[in-house]
C-alpha atoms as a PDB file:
ATOM      1  CA  UNK A   1      10.140   7.155   2.082  1.00  0.00           C
ATOM      2  CA  UNK A   2      11.015  10.621   0.896  1.00  0.00           C
ATOM      3  CA  UNK A   3      12.670  10.911  -2.473  1.00  0.00           C
ATOM      4  CA  UNK A   4      13.722  14.537  -2.065  1.00  0.00           C
ATOM      5  CA  UNK A   5      16.910  15.688  -0.412  1.00  0.00           C
ATOM      6  CA  UNK A   6      16.973  16.677   3.253  1.00  0.00           C
ATOM      7  CA  UNK A   7      16.915  20.393   4.030  1.00  0.00           C
ATOM      8  CA  UNK A   8      18.104  21.594   7.455  1.00  0.00           C
ATOM      9  CA  UNK A   9      15.354  23.359   9.386  1.00  0.00           C
ATOM     10  CA  UNK A  10      14.968  24.612  12.947  1.00  0.00           C
ATOM     11  CA  UNK A  11      11.716  23.942  14.749  1.00  0.00           C
ATOM     12  CA  UNK A  12      10.482  24.947  18.157  1.00  0.00           C
ATOM     13  CA  UNK A  13       8.081  22.383  19.591  1.00  0.00           C
ATOM     14  CA  UNK A  14       6.878  21.708  23.098  1.00  0.00           C
ATOM     15  CA  UNK A  15       8.832  19.524  25.523  1.00  0.00           C
ATOM     16  CA  UNK A  16       5.924  17.082  25.702  1.00  0.00           C
ATOM     17  CA  UNK A  17       5.848  16.774  21.895  1.00  0.00           C
ATOM     18  CA  UNK A  18       9.613  16.151  21.839  1.00  0.00           C
ATOM     19  CA  UNK A  19       9.271  13.512  24.560  1.00  0.00           C
ATOM     20  CA  UNK A  20       6.402  11.759  22.763  1.00  0.00           C
ATOM     21  CA  UNK A  21       8.252  11.924  19.443  1.00  0.00           C
ATOM     22  CA  UNK A  22      11.397  10.422  20.994  1.00  0.00           C
ATOM     23  CA  UNK A  23       9.427   7.661  22.744  1.00  0.00           C
ATOM     24  CA  UNK A  24       7.596   6.732  19.564  1.00  0.00           C
ATOM     25  CA  UNK A  25      10.752   6.859  17.445  1.00  0.00           C
ATOM     26  CA  UNK A  26      12.457   4.523  19.915  1.00  0.00           C
ATOM     27  CA  UNK A  27       9.497   2.095  19.788  1.00  0.00           C
ATOM     28  CA  UNK A  28       9.603   2.159  15.976  1.00  0.00           C
ATOM     29  CA  UNK A  29      13.385   1.763  15.903  1.00  0.00           C
ATOM     30  CA  UNK A  30      13.909   4.959  13.938  1.00  0.00           C
ATOM     31  CA  UNK A  31      15.216   8.465  14.458  1.00  0.00           C
ATOM     32  CA  UNK A  32      13.139  11.413  15.596  1.00  0.00           C
ATOM     33  CA  UNK A  33      13.963  13.132  12.295  1.00  0.00           C
ATOM     34  CA  UNK A  34      12.740  10.212  10.177  1.00  0.00           C
ATOM     35  CA  UNK A  35       9.556   9.890  12.235  1.00  0.00           C
ATOM     36  CA  UNK A  36       8.865  13.631  12.113  1.00  0.00           C
ATOM     37  CA  UNK A  37       9.420  13.636   8.331  1.00  0.00           C
ATOM     38  CA  UNK A  38       6.932  10.780   7.932  1.00  0.00           C
ATOM     39  CA  UNK A  39       4.371  12.423  10.221  1.00  0.00           C
ATOM     40  CA  UNK A  40       4.583  15.708   8.326  1.00  0.00           C
ATOM     41  CA  UNK A  41       4.228  14.090   4.892  1.00  0.00           C
ATOM     42  CA  UNK A  42       1.359  11.852   5.989  1.00  0.00           C
ATOM     43  CA  UNK A  43      -0.335  14.631   7.950  1.00  0.00           C
ATOM     44  CA  UNK A  44      -0.279  17.007   4.994  1.00  0.00           C
ATOM     45  CA  UNK A  45      -1.577  14.240   2.714  1.00  0.00           C
ATOM     46  CA  UNK A  46      -4.419  13.584   5.167  1.00  0.00           C
ATOM     47  CA  UNK A  47      -5.278  17.286   5.219  1.00  0.00           C
ATOM     48  CA  UNK A  48      -5.167  17.420   1.412  1.00  0.00           C
ATOM     49  CA  UNK A  49      -7.159  14.182   1.019  1.00  0.00           C
ATOM     50  CA  UNK A  50      -9.734  13.801   3.832  1.00  0.00           C
ATOM     51  CA  UNK A  51     -10.613  10.125   4.231  1.00  0.00           C
ATOM     52  CA  UNK A  52      -7.070   8.883   3.583  1.00  0.00           C
ATOM     53  CA  UNK A  53      -5.108   7.171   6.358  1.00  0.00           C
ATOM     54  CA  UNK A  54      -1.752   5.401   6.344  1.00  0.00           C
ATOM     55  CA  UNK A  55      -1.041   1.806   7.321  1.00  0.00           C
ATOM     56  CA  UNK A  56       1.922  -0.464   7.642  1.00  0.00           C
ATOM     57  CA  UNK A  57       5.333  -0.443   9.244  1.00  0.00           C
ATOM     58  CA  UNK A  58       7.721   2.500   8.996  1.00  0.00           C
ATOM     59  CA  UNK A  59       9.509   1.003   5.979  1.00  0.00           C
ATOM     60  CA  UNK A  60       6.324   0.160   4.060  1.00  0.00           C
ATOM     61  CA  UNK A  61       3.649   2.807   4.619  1.00  0.00           C
ATOM     62  CA  UNK A  62       0.578   2.611   2.389  1.00  0.00           C
ATOM     63  CA  UNK A  63      -2.222   5.084   1.765  1.00  0.00           C
ATOM     64  CA  UNK A  64      -5.676   3.636   2.407  1.00  0.00           C
ATOM     65  CA  UNK A  65      -9.270   4.662   2.749  1.00  0.00           C
ATOM     66  CA  UNK A  66     -10.300   4.983   6.395  1.00  0.00           C
ATOM     67  CA  UNK A  67     -12.001   1.661   7.265  1.00  0.00           C
ATOM     68  CA  UNK A  68     -11.478   0.546   3.677  1.00  0.00           C
ATOM     69  CA  UNK A  69      -8.980  -0.896   1.238  1.00  0.00           C
ATOM     70  CA  UNK A  70      -5.615   0.554   0.353  1.00  0.00           C
ATOM     71  CA  UNK A  71      -5.594   3.132  -2.435  1.00  0.00           C
ATOM     72  CA  UNK A  72      -3.508   0.946  -4.761  1.00  0.00           C
ATOM     73  CA  UNK A  73      -6.152  -1.799  -4.475  1.00  0.00           C
ATOM     74  CA  UNK A  74      -8.929   0.584  -5.525  1.00  0.00           C
ATOM     75  CA  UNK A  75      -6.871   1.859  -8.458  1.00  0.00           C
ATOM     76  CA  UNK A  76      -5.923  -1.680  -9.524  1.00  0.00           C
ATOM     77  CA  UNK A  77      -9.612  -2.678  -9.603  1.00  0.00           C
ATOM     78  CA  UNK A  78     -10.513   0.445 -11.591  1.00  0.00           C
ATOM     79  CA  UNK A  79      -7.775  -0.331 -14.122  1.00  0.00           C
ATOM     80  CA  UNK A  80      -9.332  -3.766 -14.717  1.00  0.00           C
ATOM     81  CA  UNK A  81     -12.595  -2.167 -15.863  1.00  0.00           C
ATOM     82  CA  UNK A  82     -13.362  -0.711 -19.302  1.00  0.00           C
ATOM     83  CA  UNK A  83     -14.730   2.693 -20.176  1.00  0.00           C
ATOM     84  CA  UNK A  84     -14.248   6.293 -19.129  1.00  0.00           C
ATOM     85  CA  UNK A  85     -12.989   6.932 -15.587  1.00  0.00           C
ATOM     86  CA  UNK A  86     -16.352   8.093 -14.220  1.00  0.00           C
ATOM     87  CA  UNK A  87     -18.120   5.024 -15.603  1.00  0.00           C
ATOM     88  CA  UNK A  88     -15.490   2.710 -14.060  1.00  0.00           C
ATOM     89  CA  UNK A  89     -15.982   4.436 -10.698  1.00  0.00           C
ATOM     90  CA  UNK A  90     -19.732   3.827 -10.922  1.00  0.00           C
ATOM     91  CA  UNK A  91     -19.213   0.166 -11.878  1.00  0.00           C
ATOM     92  CA  UNK A  92     -16.780  -0.418  -9.004  1.00  0.00           C
ATOM     93  CA  UNK A  93     -19.181   1.263  -6.601  1.00  0.00           C
ATOM     94  CA  UNK A  94     -21.977  -1.038  -7.741  1.00  0.00           C
ATOM     95  CA  UNK A  95     -19.787  -4.152  -7.508  1.00  0.00           C
ATOM     96  CA  UNK A  96     -18.224  -3.414  -4.106  1.00  0.00           C
ATOM     97  CA  UNK A  97     -18.963  -2.131  -0.622  1.00  0.00           C
ATOM     98  CA  UNK A  98     -17.413   1.225  -1.517  1.00  0.00           C
ATOM     99  CA  UNK A  99     -19.572   4.182  -2.369  1.00  0.00           C
ATOM    100  CA  UNK A 100     -18.457   6.314  -5.281  1.00  0.00           C
ATOM    101  CA  UNK A 101     -17.463   9.186  -2.984  1.00  0.00           C
ATOM    102  CA  UNK A 102     -14.876   7.026  -1.231  1.00  0.00           C
ATOM    103  CA  UNK A 103     -13.626   5.711  -4.574  1.00  0.00           C
ATOM    104  CA  UNK A 104     -13.176   9.316  -5.726  1.00  0.00           C
ATOM    105  CA  UNK A 105     -11.115  10.043  -2.584  1.00  0.00           C
ATOM    106  CA  UNK A 106      -8.795   7.156  -3.513  1.00  0.00           C
ATOM    107  CA  UNK A 107      -8.606   8.353  -7.126  1.00  0.00           C
ATOM    108  CA  UNK A 108      -7.749  11.918  -6.049  1.00  0.00           C
ATOM    109  CA  UNK A 109      -4.951  10.636  -3.819  1.00  0.00           C
ATOM    110  CA  UNK A 110      -3.688   8.389  -6.647  1.00  0.00           C
ATOM    111  CA  UNK A 111      -3.633  11.298  -9.082  1.00  0.00           C
ATOM    112  CA  UNK A 112      -1.456  13.262  -6.660  1.00  0.00           C
ATOM    113  CA  UNK A 113       0.818  10.281  -5.980  1.00  0.00           C
ATOM    114  CA  UNK A 114       0.712   8.354  -9.261  1.00  0.00           C
ATOM    115  CA  UNK A 115       4.237   6.932  -9.227  1.00  0.00           C
ATOM    116  CA  UNK A 116       3.822   5.605  -5.676  1.00  0.00           C
ATOM    117  CA  UNK A 117       0.517   3.892  -6.507  1.00  0.00           C
ATOM    118  CA  UNK A 118       1.716   2.416  -9.819  1.00  0.00           C
ATOM    119  CA  UNK A 119       4.860   1.106  -8.117  1.00  0.00           C
ATOM    120  CA  UNK A 120       2.735  -0.609  -5.443  1.00  0.00           C
ATOM    121  CA  UNK A 121       0.460  -2.170  -8.092  1.00  0.00           C
ATOM    122  CA  UNK A 122       3.535  -3.452  -9.930  1.00  0.00           C
ATOM    123  CA  UNK A 123       5.043  -4.929  -6.756  1.00  0.00           C
ATOM    124  CA  UNK A 124       1.772  -6.682  -5.992  1.00  0.00           C
ATOM    125  CA  UNK A 125       1.570  -8.152  -9.507  1.00  0.00           C
ATOM    126  CA  UNK A 126       5.141  -9.438  -9.173  1.00  0.00           C
ATOM    127  CA  UNK A 127       4.317 -11.059  -5.823  1.00  0.00           C
ATOM    128  CA  UNK A 128       1.199 -12.736  -7.257  1.00  0.00           C
ATOM    129  CA  UNK A 129       3.211 -14.077 -10.203  1.00  0.00           C
ATOM    130  CA  UNK A 130       5.918 -15.418  -7.865  1.00  0.00           C
ATOM    131  CA  UNK A 131       3.253 -17.248  -5.833  1.00  0.00           C
ATOM    132  CA  UNK A 132       1.718 -18.706  -9.013  1.00  0.00           C
ATOM    133  CA  UNK A 133       5.125 -19.936 -10.213  1.00  0.00           C
ATOM    134  CA  UNK A 134       5.860 -21.487  -6.800  1.00  0.00           C
ATOM    135  CA  UNK A 135       2.484 -23.253  -6.754  1.00  0.00           C
ATOM    136  CA  UNK A 136       3.073 -24.581 -10.261  1.00  0.00           C
ATOM    137  CA  UNK A 137       6.478 -25.962  -9.201  1.00  0.00           C
ATOM    138  CA  UNK A 138       4.935 -27.641  -6.147  1.00  0.00           C
ATOM    139  CA  UNK A 139       2.141 -29.138  -8.260  1.00  0.00           C
ATOM    140  CA  UNK A 140       4.645 -30.425 -10.828  1.00  0.00           C
ATOM    141  CA  UNK A 141       6.772 -31.969  -8.067  1.00  0.00           C
ATOM    142  CA  UNK A 142       3.761 -33.735  -6.572  1.00  0.00           C
ATOM    143  CA  UNK A 143       2.763 -35.114  -9.969  1.00  0.00           C
ATOM    144  CA  UNK A 144       6.143 -36.812 -10.503  1.00  0.00           C
ATOM    145  CA  UNK A 145       6.569 -40.342  -9.151  1.00  0.00           C
ATOM    146  CA  UNK A 146       8.916 -40.614  -6.215  1.00  0.00           C
ATOM    147  CA  UNK A 147      11.320 -43.398  -5.284  1.00  0.00           C
ATOM    148  CA  UNK A 148       9.351 -43.599  -2.033  1.00  0.00           C
ATOM    149  CA  UNK A 149       6.106 -44.410  -3.870  1.00  0.00           C
ATOM    150  CA  UNK A 150       6.921 -48.116  -4.116  1.00  0.00           C
ATOM    151  CA  UNK A 151       7.092 -50.398  -7.135  1.00  0.00           C
ATOM    152  CA  UNK A 152       5.440 -49.285 -10.322  1.00  0.00           C
ATOM    153  CA  UNK A 153       2.203 -51.064 -11.090  1.00  0.00           C
ATOM    154  CA  UNK A 154       1.432 -52.355 -14.515  1.00  0.00           C
END
């Protein structure tokens, strides 16, 4: 989602492009303007960062390595390692299926979009913690005796 204000702009595009844009926007349940804005931002990012693609629904797009993990996942793993950045890239490359070149592509994208990537990492951590708390509550509930368990044995 764009965080900058909208600026009116006139564009001349082919009838077939307009038709395809309108059909896709309708399928996605969005406006042509919102879809075109997303396509421009993602397209420019893909030109600036070859090897990056975008995944997810319109309201939750995520940068990812083509045929690889999402950028935030790569950055989160790198942040778990110690040492200078280049050394952490080498370690992650050795410990994963990713070659260091692809890791560098993710890092370059993350440097250009730091707030977006850090926000995604934070949201993921919150979700993991919520799941852990829910599991702990379920485990505690199962450990308590229930009135349905029958008479207590001595």
